Amino acid sequence: MARKYRKRHMEQDPDIHERWMVSYADFITLLFAFFVVMYAISISKEGTLSVVSDSIERAFTPQDRSKATSEADATSSTGNAPSLIDLNGGEGVLDGHESPSPPVPEISESMAKLQELATQGVMKPVVDEVEKALESLIEEGGVNISSDDLWVQIDIESNLLFESGLAQLNNNVTSTMRSLARVLEQFPHNIQVEGYTDNIPIQNEIYPSNWELSAARSASVVHLFAQNGVDPRRMSAVGFGEFRPVAGNDTPQGRAKNRRVVIVVLADQQAGRLIDLQQQLQLND
């Protein structure tokens, strides 16, 4: 009887049926707090963007420091000064309605140095000497030398340098590559060696993927250059694997072109960034 009475008493207790309201009220409170926080963040972002825009404008505008300070105060009070990029969708300096100020000094100095090197023709002797050193490989085919005022690029198909799936240079090309190293040792330019493969997965216990194979091949070339007089501090080895093809991988001819080692001789360290930008633009096209 006592158990039945306790059970009946619990079924009739109104507090038990209304406990869901506590959880519901907590949920509504948290939801309200969430929207308040989101609103606060949106306001802070808008203010931050305004501050950043004004700071960029003042940094890129050549003017007296005291004048800049007074204009900044006026801007904060009136909000009518033109911005570099109009956050409200209007027309700013970058839209061509005001002449942009000179670039940042570091960038300007780098570009001026590159322009000076380009006019000096510093890469022309490199091209001439490289062609002489690689004459035997050029006659066989599979070697392409291209040049610019700021760099020389040597593309060598991997089958001329390595056996399939290996990263050790063939004996019949080591003498030619040593000659190339002696040529590059004469010049002070930085050298970047890049390895590339086709998209066929490698089946090899030594290299788990094409990335390792391409990096190992570029490293082999760098080691040979270092052993033959080229300063290691001027060189770098990069492996791109299969991810930057120059031809389609759906034909044997295309895959052969993609399996390559590229040696880039740079007139200046900044010239490498221009090459990267050019390659990115070509990939995007």
C-alpha atoms as a PDB file:
ATOM      1  CA  MET A   1       0.000   0.000   0.000  1.00  0.00           C
ATOM      2  CA  ALA A   2       2.829   2.408   0.822  1.00  0.00           C
ATOM      3  CA  ARG A   3       4.429   1.844  -2.594  1.00  0.00           C
ATOM      4  CA  LYS A   4       1.159   2.420  -4.448  1.00  0.00           C
ATOM      5  CA  TYR A   5       0.538   5.609  -2.518  1.00  0.00           C
ATOM      6  CA  ARG A   6       4.057   6.911  -3.297  1.00  0.00           C
ATOM      7  CA  LYS A   7       3.617   6.183  -7.008  1.00  0.00           C
ATOM      8  CA  ARG A   8       0.206   7.875  -7.133  1.00  0.00           C
ATOM      9  CA  HIS A   9       1.590  10.894  -5.285  1.00  0.00           C
ATOM     10  CA  MET A  10       4.451  11.292  -7.793  1.00  0.00           C
ATOM     11  CA  GLU A  11       2.113  11.053 -10.779  1.00  0.00           C
ATOM     12  CA  GLN A  12      -0.028  13.854  -9.388  1.00  0.00           C
ATOM     13  CA  ASP A  13       2.927  16.132  -8.463  1.00  0.00           C
ATOM     14  CA  PRO A  14       2.599  19.203 -10.750  1.00  0.00           C
ATOM     15  CA  ASP A  15       6.310  20.069 -10.374  1.00  0.00           C
ATOM     16  CA  ILE A  16       7.288  17.010 -12.345  1.00  0.00           C
ATOM     17  CA  HIS A  17       5.311  18.104 -15.415  1.00  0.00           C
ATOM     18  CA  GLU A  18       6.699  21.659 -15.348  1.00  0.00           C
ATOM     19  CA  ARG A  19      10.416  20.844 -15.142  1.00  0.00           C
ATOM     20  CA  TRP A  20      10.794  21.127 -18.925  1.00  0.00           C
ATOM     21  CA  MET A  21      10.252  24.874 -18.564  1.00  0.00           C
ATOM     22  CA  VAL A  22      13.602  25.195 -16.757  1.00  0.00           C
ATOM     23  CA  SER A  23      15.524  23.654 -19.664  1.00  0.00           C
ATOM     24  CA  TYR A  24      13.520  25.691 -22.164  1.00  0.00           C
ATOM     25  CA  ALA A  25      14.266  28.927 -20.293  1.00  0.00           C
ATOM     26  CA  ASP A  26      17.992  28.075 -20.224  1.00  0.00           C
ATOM     27  CA  PHE A  27      17.939  27.434 -23.967  1.00  0.00           C
ATOM     28  CA  ILE A  28      16.223  30.767 -24.693  1.00  0.00           C
ATOM     29  CA  THR A  29      18.729  32.584 -22.483  1.00  0.00           C
ATOM     30  CA  LEU A  30      21.692  30.998 -24.278  1.00  0.00           C
ATOM     31  CA  LEU A  31      20.175  31.772 -27.671  1.00  0.00           C
ATOM     32  CA  PHE A  32      19.687  35.397 -26.690  1.00  0.00           C
ATOM     33  CA  ALA A  33      23.281  35.605 -25.444  1.00  0.00           C
ATOM     34  CA  PHE A  34      24.527  34.084 -28.724  1.00  0.00           C
ATOM     35  CA  PHE A  35      22.815  36.735 -30.856  1.00  0.00           C
ATOM     36  CA  VAL A  36      24.061  39.504 -28.584  1.00  0.00           C
ATOM     37  CA  VAL A  37      27.648  38.274 -28.981  1.00  0.00           C
ATOM     38  CA  MET A  38      27.280  37.966 -32.765  1.00  0.00           C
ATOM     39  CA  TYR A  39      25.940  41.496 -32.968  1.00  0.00           C
ATOM     40  CA  ALA A  40      28.823  42.785 -30.859  1.00  0.00           C
ATOM     41  CA  ILE A  41      31.347  41.031 -33.090  1.00  0.00           C
ATOM     42  CA  SER A  42      29.825  42.528 -36.220  1.00  0.00           C
ATOM     43  CA  ILE A  43      30.093  46.014 -34.752  1.00  0.00           C
ATOM     44  CA  SER A  44      33.708  45.500 -33.671  1.00  0.00           C
ATOM     45  CA  LYS A  45      34.670  44.194 -37.128  1.00  0.00           C
ATOM     46  CA  GLU A  46      33.190  47.234 -38.817  1.00  0.00           C
ATOM     47  CA  GLY A  47      35.135  49.527 -36.496  1.00  0.00           C
ATOM     48  CA  THR A  48      38.327  47.554 -37.008  1.00  0.00           C
ATOM     49  CA  LEU A  49      38.018  47.743 -40.780  1.00  0.00           C
ATOM     50  CA  SER A  50      37.562  51.494 -40.582  1.00  0.00           C
ATOM     51  CA  VAL A  51      40.673  51.867 -38.441  1.00  0.00           C
ATOM     52  CA  VAL A  52      42.716  49.638 -40.764  1.00  0.00           C
ATOM     53  CA  SER A  53      41.549  51.542 -43.824  1.00  0.00           C
ATOM     54  CA  ASP A  54      42.489  54.887 -42.277  1.00  0.00           C
ATOM     55  CA  SER A  55      45.878  53.560 -41.156  1.00  0.00           C
ATOM     56  CA  ILE A  56      46.707  52.257 -44.635  1.00  0.00           C
ATOM     57  CA  GLU A  57      45.722  55.566 -46.175  1.00  0.00           C
ATOM     58  CA  ARG A  58      47.921  57.558 -43.817  1.00  0.00           C
ATOM     59  CA  ALA A  59      50.862  55.172 -44.313  1.00  0.00           C
ATOM     60  CA  PHE A  60      50.727  55.420 -48.111  1.00  0.00           C
ATOM     61  CA  THR A  61      50.067  59.163 -48.334  1.00  0.00           C
ATOM     62  CA  PRO A  62      53.264  61.297 -48.456  1.00  0.00           C
ATOM     63  CA  GLN A  63      52.628  64.231 -46.153  1.00  0.00           C
ATOM     64  CA  ASP A  64      53.955  66.036 -43.109  1.00  0.00           C
ATOM     65  CA  ARG A  65      53.549  64.119 -39.850  1.00  0.00           C
ATOM     66  CA  SER A  66      51.757  66.995 -38.096  1.00  0.00           C
ATOM     67  CA  LYS A  67      49.428  67.410 -41.034  1.00  0.00           C
ATOM     68  CA  ALA A  68      48.673  63.695 -41.019  1.00  0.00           C
ATOM     69  CA  THR A  69      47.842  63.841 -37.334  1.00  0.00           C
ATOM     70  CA  SER A  70      45.465  66.745 -37.747  1.00  0.00           C
ATOM     71  CA  GLU A  71      43.760  65.106 -40.716  1.00  0.00           C
ATOM     72  CA  ALA A  72      43.386  61.895 -38.750  1.00  0.00           C
ATOM     73  CA  ASP A  73      41.671  63.833 -35.951  1.00  0.00           C
ATOM     74  CA  ALA A  74      39.383  65.509 -38.455  1.00  0.00           C
ATOM     75  CA  THR A  75      38.550  62.172 -39.992  1.00  0.00           C
ATOM     76  CA  SER A  76      37.638  60.664 -36.652  1.00  0.00           C
ATOM     77  CA  SER A  77      35.277  63.551 -35.924  1.00  0.00           C
ATOM     78  CA  THR A  78      33.675  64.057 -39.344  1.00  0.00           C
ATOM     79  CA  GLY A  79      34.197  60.701 -41.099  1.00  0.00           C
ATOM     80  CA  ASN A  80      34.337  62.448 -44.525  1.00  0.00           C
ATOM     81  CA  ALA A  81      37.969  61.827 -45.508  1.00  0.00           C
ATOM     82  CA  PRO A  82      38.480  59.646 -48.627  1.00  0.00           C
ATOM     83  CA  SER A  83      39.627  56.084 -47.826  1.00  0.00           C
ATOM     84  CA  LEU A  84      41.990  53.816 -49.735  1.00  0.00           C
ATOM     85  CA  ILE A  85      39.185  51.293 -50.137  1.00  0.00           C
ATOM     86  CA  ASP A  86      35.661  52.526 -49.501  1.00  0.00           C
ATOM     87  CA  LEU A  87      34.060  50.077 -47.083  1.00  0.00           C
ATOM     88  CA  ASN A  88      30.593  51.266 -48.045  1.00  0.00           C
ATOM     89  CA  GLY A  89      30.958  50.290 -51.692  1.00  0.00           C
ATOM     90  CA  GLY A  90      31.808  53.782 -52.950  1.00  0.00           C
ATOM     91  CA  GLU A  91      34.835  54.972 -54.895  1.00  0.00           C
ATOM     92  CA  GLY A  92      38.227  55.015 -53.184  1.00  0.00           C
ATOM     93  CA  VAL A  93      41.802  55.755 -54.123  1.00  0.00           C
ATOM     94  CA  LEU A  94      42.272  52.349 -55.793  1.00  0.00           C
ATOM     95  CA  ASP A  95      39.380  53.057 -58.148  1.00  0.00           C
ATOM     96  CA  GLY A  96      41.548  55.575 -59.972  1.00  0.00           C
ATOM     97  CA  HIS A  97      39.975  58.776 -58.655  1.00  0.00           C
ATOM     98  CA  GLU A  98      43.122  59.827 -56.821  1.00  0.00           C
ATOM     99  CA  SER A  99      46.727  59.163 -57.737  1.00  0.00           C
ATOM    100  CA  PRO A 100      48.161  56.370 -55.579  1.00  0.00           C
ATOM    101  CA  SER A 101      51.196  57.265 -53.514  1.00  0.00           C
ATOM    102  CA  PRO A 102      54.637  55.734 -54.092  1.00  0.00           C
ATOM    103  CA  PRO A 103      55.081  52.095 -53.012  1.00  0.00           C
ATOM    104  CA  VAL A 104      56.570  50.965 -49.730  1.00  0.00           C
ATOM    105  CA  PRO A 105      60.337  51.761 -49.693  1.00  0.00           C
ATOM    106  CA  GLU A 106      61.451  48.100 -49.351  1.00  0.00           C
ATOM    107  CA  ILE A 107      59.407  47.038 -52.380  1.00  0.00           C
ATOM    108  CA  SER A 108      60.551  50.072 -54.354  1.00  0.00           C
ATOM    109  CA  GLU A 109      64.212  49.338 -53.632  1.00  0.00           C
ATOM    110  CA  SER A 110      63.843  45.685 -54.644  1.00  0.00           C
ATOM    111  CA  MET A 111      62.143  46.556 -57.911  1.00  0.00           C
ATOM    112  CA  ALA A 112      64.751  49.220 -58.670  1.00  0.00           C
ATOM    113  CA  LYS A 113      67.506  46.658 -58.105  1.00  0.00           C
ATOM    114  CA  LEU A 114      65.819  44.132 -60.390  1.00  0.00           C
ATOM    115  CA  GLN A 115      65.360  46.762 -63.111  1.00  0.00           C
ATOM    116  CA  GLU A 116      69.015  47.685 -62.860  1.00  0.00           C
ATOM    117  CA  LEU A 117      70.085  44.043 -63.156  1.00  0.00           C
ATOM    118  CA  ALA A 118      67.777  43.558 -66.140  1.00  0.00           C
ATOM    119  CA  THR A 119      69.398  46.430 -68.011  1.00  0.00           C
ATOM    120  CA  GLN A 120      72.895  45.135 -67.286  1.00  0.00           C
ATOM    121  CA  GLY A 121      72.356  41.846 -69.147  1.00  0.00           C
ATOM    122  CA  VAL A 122      73.955  39.821 -66.345  1.00  0.00           C
ATOM    123  CA  MET A 123      72.325  36.561 -67.481  1.00  0.00           C
ATOM    124  CA  LYS A 124      73.624  36.602 -71.059  1.00  0.00           C
ATOM    125  CA  PRO A 125      77.073  35.141 -70.166  1.00  0.00           C
ATOM    126  CA  VAL A 126      75.339  32.458 -68.096  1.00  0.00           C
ATOM    127  CA  VAL A 127      73.237  31.368 -71.075  1.00  0.00           C
ATOM    128  CA  ASP A 128      76.271  31.148 -73.357  1.00  0.00           C
ATOM    129  CA  GLU A 129      78.327  29.079 -70.913  1.00  0.00           C
ATOM    130  CA  VAL A 130      75.423  26.772 -69.993  1.00  0.00           C
ATOM    131  CA  GLU A 131      74.748  25.994 -73.650  1.00  0.00           C
ATOM    132  CA  LYS A 132      78.400  25.031 -74.131  1.00  0.00           C
ATOM    133  CA  ALA A 133      78.404  22.791 -71.044  1.00  0.00           C
ATOM    134  CA  LEU A 134      75.184  20.993 -72.031  1.00  0.00           C
ATOM    135  CA  GLU A 135      75.952  20.739 -75.741  1.00  0.00           C
ATOM    136  CA  SER A 136      75.981  16.923 -75.758  1.00  0.00           C
ATOM    137  CA  LEU A 137      72.617  16.661 -73.953  1.00  0.00           C
ATOM    138  CA  ILE A 138      71.084  19.346 -76.147  1.00  0.00           C
ATOM    139  CA  GLU A 139      72.055  17.349 -79.244  1.00  0.00           C
ATOM    140  CA  GLU A 140      70.324  14.266 -77.816  1.00  0.00           C
ATOM    141  CA  GLY A 141      67.124  16.241 -77.254  1.00  0.00           C
ATOM    142  CA  GLY A 142      65.112  16.507 -74.083  1.00  0.00           C
ATOM    143  CA  VAL A 143      66.887  19.667 -72.906  1.00  0.00           C
ATOM    144  CA  ASN A 144      65.375  23.113 -73.186  1.00  0.00           C
ATOM    145  CA  ILE A 145      67.118  26.329 -72.119  1.00  0.00           C
ATOM    146  CA  SER A 146      65.033  29.472 -71.752  1.00  0.00           C
ATOM    147  CA  SER A 147      66.168  32.787 -70.370  1.00  0.00           C
ATOM    148  CA  ASP A 148      64.989  36.173 -69.233  1.00  0.00           C
ATOM    149  CA  ASP A 149      66.792  39.318 -68.169  1.00  0.00           C
ATOM    150  CA  LEU A 150      66.641  38.051 -64.576  1.00  0.00           C
ATOM    151  CA  TRP A 151      66.964  34.252 -64.795  1.00  0.00           C
ATOM    152  CA  VAL A 152      68.019  31.241 -66.836  1.00  0.00           C
ATOM    153  CA  GLN A 153      65.904  28.087 -66.773  1.00  0.00           C
ATOM    154  CA  ILE A 154      67.269  24.686 -67.791  1.00  0.00           C
ATOM    155  CA  ASP A 155      64.659  21.945 -68.318  1.00  0.00           C
ATOM    156  CA  ILE A 156      66.088  18.424 -68.542  1.00  0.00           C
ATOM    157  CA  GLU A 157      63.861  15.390 -69.042  1.00  0.00           C
ATOM    158  CA  SER A 158      64.406  12.886 -66.252  1.00  0.00           C
ATOM    159  CA  ASN A 159      65.101   9.933 -68.568  1.00  0.00           C
ATOM    160  CA  LEU A 160      68.383  11.615 -69.516  1.00  0.00           C
ATOM    161  CA  LEU A 161      69.473  11.824 -65.888  1.00  0.00           C
ATOM    162  CA  PHE A 162      67.890   8.912 -64.002  1.00  0.00           C
ATOM    163  CA  GLU A 163      66.651   5.382 -64.384  1.00  0.00           C
ATOM    164  CA  SER A 164      62.924   4.876 -63.852  1.00  0.00           C
ATOM    165  CA  GLY A 165      61.994   5.126 -60.167  1.00  0.00           C
ATOM    166  CA  LEU A 166      65.544   6.020 -59.068  1.00  0.00           C
ATOM    167  CA  ALA A 167      67.225   9.231 -57.940  1.00  0.00           C
ATOM    168  CA  GLN A 168      70.876   8.376 -58.613  1.00  0.00           C
ATOM    169  CA  LEU A 169      72.356  10.184 -61.608  1.00  0.00           C
ATOM    170  CA  ASN A 170      73.280   7.991 -64.570  1.00  0.00           C
ATOM    171  CA  ASN A 171      77.007   7.475 -65.044  1.00  0.00           C
ATOM    172  CA  ASN A 172      76.874   8.638 -68.649  1.00  0.00           C
ATOM    173  CA  VAL A 173      75.668  12.135 -67.670  1.00  0.00           C
ATOM    174  CA  THR A 174      77.754  12.825 -64.577  1.00  0.00           C
ATOM    175  CA  SER A 175      80.639  14.293 -66.582  1.00  0.00           C
ATOM    176  CA  THR A 176      78.269  16.669 -68.383  1.00  0.00           C
ATOM    177  CA  MET A 177      76.628  17.713 -65.111  1.00  0.00           C
ATOM    178  CA  ARG A 178      80.062  18.309 -63.591  1.00  0.00           C
ATOM    179  CA  SER A 179      80.845  20.627 -66.495  1.00  0.00           C
ATOM    180  CA  LEU A 180      77.607  22.467 -65.792  1.00  0.00           C
ATOM    181  CA  ALA A 181      78.563  22.743 -62.114  1.00  0.00           C
ATOM    182  CA  ARG A 182      81.920  24.288 -63.016  1.00  0.00           C
ATOM    183  CA  VAL A 183      80.099  26.844 -65.143  1.00  0.00           C
ATOM    184  CA  LEU A 184      77.629  27.753 -62.405  1.00  0.00           C
ATOM    185  CA  GLU A 185      80.441  27.965 -59.852  1.00  0.00           C
ATOM    186  CA  GLN A 186      81.904  30.930 -61.761  1.00  0.00           C
ATOM    187  CA  PHE A 187      78.809  33.080 -61.243  1.00  0.00           C
ATOM    188  CA  PRO A 188      77.478  34.438 -57.920  1.00  0.00           C
ATOM    189  CA  HIS A 189      73.813  33.753 -58.672  1.00  0.00           C
ATOM    190  CA  ASN A 190      71.444  31.659 -56.562  1.00  0.00           C
ATOM    191  CA  ILE A 191      70.406  28.292 -57.984  1.00  0.00           C
ATOM    192  CA  GLN A 192      67.146  26.445 -57.421  1.00  0.00           C
ATOM    193  CA  VAL A 193      66.836  22.817 -58.533  1.00  0.00           C
ATOM    194  CA  GLU A 194      63.270  21.528 -58.930  1.00  0.00           C
ATOM    195  CA  GLY A 195      62.129  17.941 -59.402  1.00  0.00           C
ATOM    196  CA  TYR A 196      58.888  16.910 -61.163  1.00  0.00           C
ATOM    197  CA  THR A 197      57.201  13.597 -62.020  1.00  0.00           C
ATOM    198  CA  ASP A 198      54.197  12.362 -63.965  1.00  0.00           C
ATOM    199  CA  ASN A 199      50.973  11.298 -62.222  1.00  0.00           C
ATOM    200  CA  ILE A 200      51.606   7.535 -62.242  1.00  0.00           C
ATOM    201  CA  PRO A 201      51.956   6.377 -58.606  1.00  0.00           C
ATOM    202  CA  ILE A 202      55.406   5.082 -57.842  1.00  0.00           C
ATOM    203  CA  GLN A 203      55.691   1.407 -56.861  1.00  0.00           C
ATOM    204  CA  ASN A 204      58.957   1.434 -55.013  1.00  0.00           C
ATOM    205  CA  GLU A 205      60.118   0.465 -51.517  1.00  0.00           C
ATOM    206  CA  ILE A 206      62.539   3.393 -51.392  1.00  0.00           C
ATOM    207  CA  TYR A 207      60.163   6.253 -52.236  1.00  0.00           C
ATOM    208  CA  PRO A 208      56.585   6.041 -50.913  1.00  0.00           C
ATOM    209  CA  SER A 209      55.295   8.694 -53.342  1.00  0.00           C
ATOM    210  CA  ASN A 210      56.260  10.876 -56.298  1.00  0.00           C
ATOM    211  CA  TRP A 211      56.923  13.724 -53.910  1.00  0.00           C
ATOM    212  CA  GLU A 212      59.833  11.914 -52.277  1.00  0.00           C
ATOM    213  CA  LEU A 213      61.174  10.797 -55.658  1.00  0.00           C
ATOM    214  CA  SER A 214      61.092  14.315 -57.137  1.00  0.00           C
ATOM    215  CA  ALA A 215      62.733  15.804 -54.041  1.00  0.00           C
ATOM    216  CA  ALA A 216      65.431  13.110 -54.020  1.00  0.00           C
ATOM    217  CA  ARG A 217      66.244  13.751 -57.679  1.00  0.00           C
ATOM    218  CA  SER A 218      66.620  17.496 -57.191  1.00  0.00           C
ATOM    219  CA  ALA A 219      68.756  16.806 -54.104  1.00  0.00           C
ATOM    220  CA  SER A 220      71.021  14.505 -56.148  1.00  0.00           C
ATOM    221  CA  VAL A 221      71.706  17.328 -58.606  1.00  0.00           C
ATOM    222  CA  VAL A 222      72.381  19.768 -55.754  1.00  0.00           C
ATOM    223  CA  HIS A 223      74.823  17.316 -54.131  1.00  0.00           C
ATOM    224  CA  LEU A 224      76.725  16.895 -57.399  1.00  0.00           C
ATOM    225  CA  PHE A 225      76.958  20.676 -57.845  1.00  0.00           C
ATOM    226  CA  ALA A 226      78.199  21.099 -54.264  1.00  0.00           C
ATOM    227  CA  GLN A 227      80.836  18.402 -54.771  1.00  0.00           C
ATOM    228  CA  ASN A 228      82.086  20.282 -57.832  1.00  0.00           C
ATOM    229  CA  GLY A 229      82.604  23.726 -56.379  1.00  0.00           C
ATOM    230  CA  VAL A 230      79.185  25.393 -56.215  1.00  0.00           C
ATOM    231  CA  ASP A 231      78.607  27.080 -52.851  1.00  0.00           C
ATOM    232  CA  PRO A 232      75.833  25.131 -51.045  1.00  0.00           C
ATOM    233  CA  ARG A 233      74.544  28.376 -49.517  1.00  0.00           C
ATOM    234  CA  ARG A 234      73.521  29.512 -52.978  1.00  0.00           C
ATOM    235  CA  MET A 235      71.447  26.415 -53.742  1.00  0.00           C
ATOM    236  CA  SER A 236      68.098  24.905 -52.814  1.00  0.00           C
ATOM    237  CA  ALA A 237      66.364  21.644 -53.765  1.00  0.00           C
ATOM    238  CA  VAL A 238      62.596  21.440 -54.237  1.00  0.00           C
ATOM    239  CA  GLY A 239      60.292  18.522 -55.067  1.00  0.00           C
ATOM    240  CA  PHE A 240      56.924  19.249 -56.701  1.00  0.00           C
ATOM    241  CA  GLY A 241      55.966  15.676 -57.529  1.00  0.00           C
ATOM    242  CA  GLU A 242      53.166  15.379 -60.068  1.00  0.00           C
ATOM    243  CA  PHE A 243      51.353  18.585 -59.177  1.00  0.00           C
ATOM    244  CA  ARG A 244      52.796  21.061 -61.708  1.00  0.00           C
ATOM    245  CA  PRO A 245      52.582  19.328 -65.089  1.00  0.00           C
ATOM    246  CA  VAL A 246      53.589  21.095 -68.297  1.00  0.00           C
ATOM    247  CA  ALA A 247      51.758  18.598 -70.518  1.00  0.00           C
ATOM    248  CA  GLY A 248      48.899  16.155 -70.316  1.00  0.00           C
ATOM    249  CA  ASN A 249      49.475  12.888 -68.489  1.00  0.00           C
ATOM    250  CA  ASP A 250      47.143  10.959 -70.790  1.00  0.00           C
ATOM    251  CA  THR A 251      49.887  10.179 -73.364  1.00  0.00           C
ATOM    252  CA  PRO A 252      53.406   8.725 -73.028  1.00  0.00           C
ATOM    253  CA  GLN A 253      54.856  11.849 -74.653  1.00  0.00           C
ATOM    254  CA  GLY A 254      53.108  14.126 -72.169  1.00  0.00           C
ATOM    255  CA  ARG A 255      54.216  12.060 -69.193  1.00  0.00           C
ATOM    256  CA  ALA A 256      57.814  12.134 -70.466  1.00  0.00           C
ATOM    257  CA  LYS A 257      57.716  15.948 -70.536  1.00  0.00           C
ATOM    258  CA  ASN A 258      56.335  16.064 -67.012  1.00  0.00           C
ATOM    259  CA  ARG A 259      59.168  13.882 -65.683  1.00  0.00           C
ATOM    260  CA  ARG A 260      61.862  16.533 -65.547  1.00  0.00           C
ATOM    261  CA  VAL A 261      64.450  18.377 -63.512  1.00  0.00           C
ATOM    262  CA  VAL A 262      64.491  22.156 -63.762  1.00  0.00           C
ATOM    263  CA  ILE A 263      67.570  24.184 -62.829  1.00  0.00           C
ATOM    264  CA  VAL A 264      66.830  27.882 -62.328  1.00  0.00           C
ATOM    265  CA  VAL A 265      69.696  30.374 -62.093  1.00  0.00           C
ATOM    266  CA  LEU A 266      68.508  33.642 -60.545  1.00  0.00           C
ATOM    267  CA  ALA A 267      70.062  37.058 -61.076  1.00  0.00           C
ATOM    268  CA  ASP A 268      68.741  38.077 -57.650  1.00  0.00           C
ATOM    269  CA  GLN A 269      66.866  36.398 -54.825  1.00  0.00           C
ATOM    270  CA  GLN A 270      63.810  38.574 -55.512  1.00  0.00           C
ATOM    271  CA  ALA A 271      63.696  37.287 -59.089  1.00  0.00           C
ATOM    272  CA  GLY A 272      62.588  33.909 -57.742  1.00  0.00           C
ATOM    273  CA  ARG A 273      59.389  35.489 -56.440  1.00  0.00           C
ATOM    274  CA  LEU A 274      58.651  36.867 -59.891  1.00  0.00           C
ATOM    275  CA  ILE A 275      59.044  33.375 -61.363  1.00  0.00           C
ATOM    276  CA  ASP A 276      56.679  31.931 -58.745  1.00  0.00           C
ATOM    277  CA  LEU A 277      54.133  34.624 -59.548  1.00  0.00           C
ATOM    278  CA  GLN A 278      54.447  33.942 -63.266  1.00  0.00           C
ATOM    279  CA  GLN A 279      53.956  30.200 -62.735  1.00  0.00           C
ATOM    280  CA  GLN A 280      50.915  30.790 -60.551  1.00  0.00           C
ATOM    281  CA  LEU A 281      49.369  32.996 -63.233  1.00  0.00           C
ATOM    282  CA  GLN A 282      50.000  30.287 -65.858  1.00  0.00           C
ATOM    283  CA  LEU A 283      48.411  27.635 -63.644  1.00  0.00           C
ATOM    284  CA  ASN A 284      45.377  29.839 -63.056  1.00  0.00           C
ATOM    285  CA  ASP A 285      44.978  30.387 -66.791  1.00  0.00           C
END
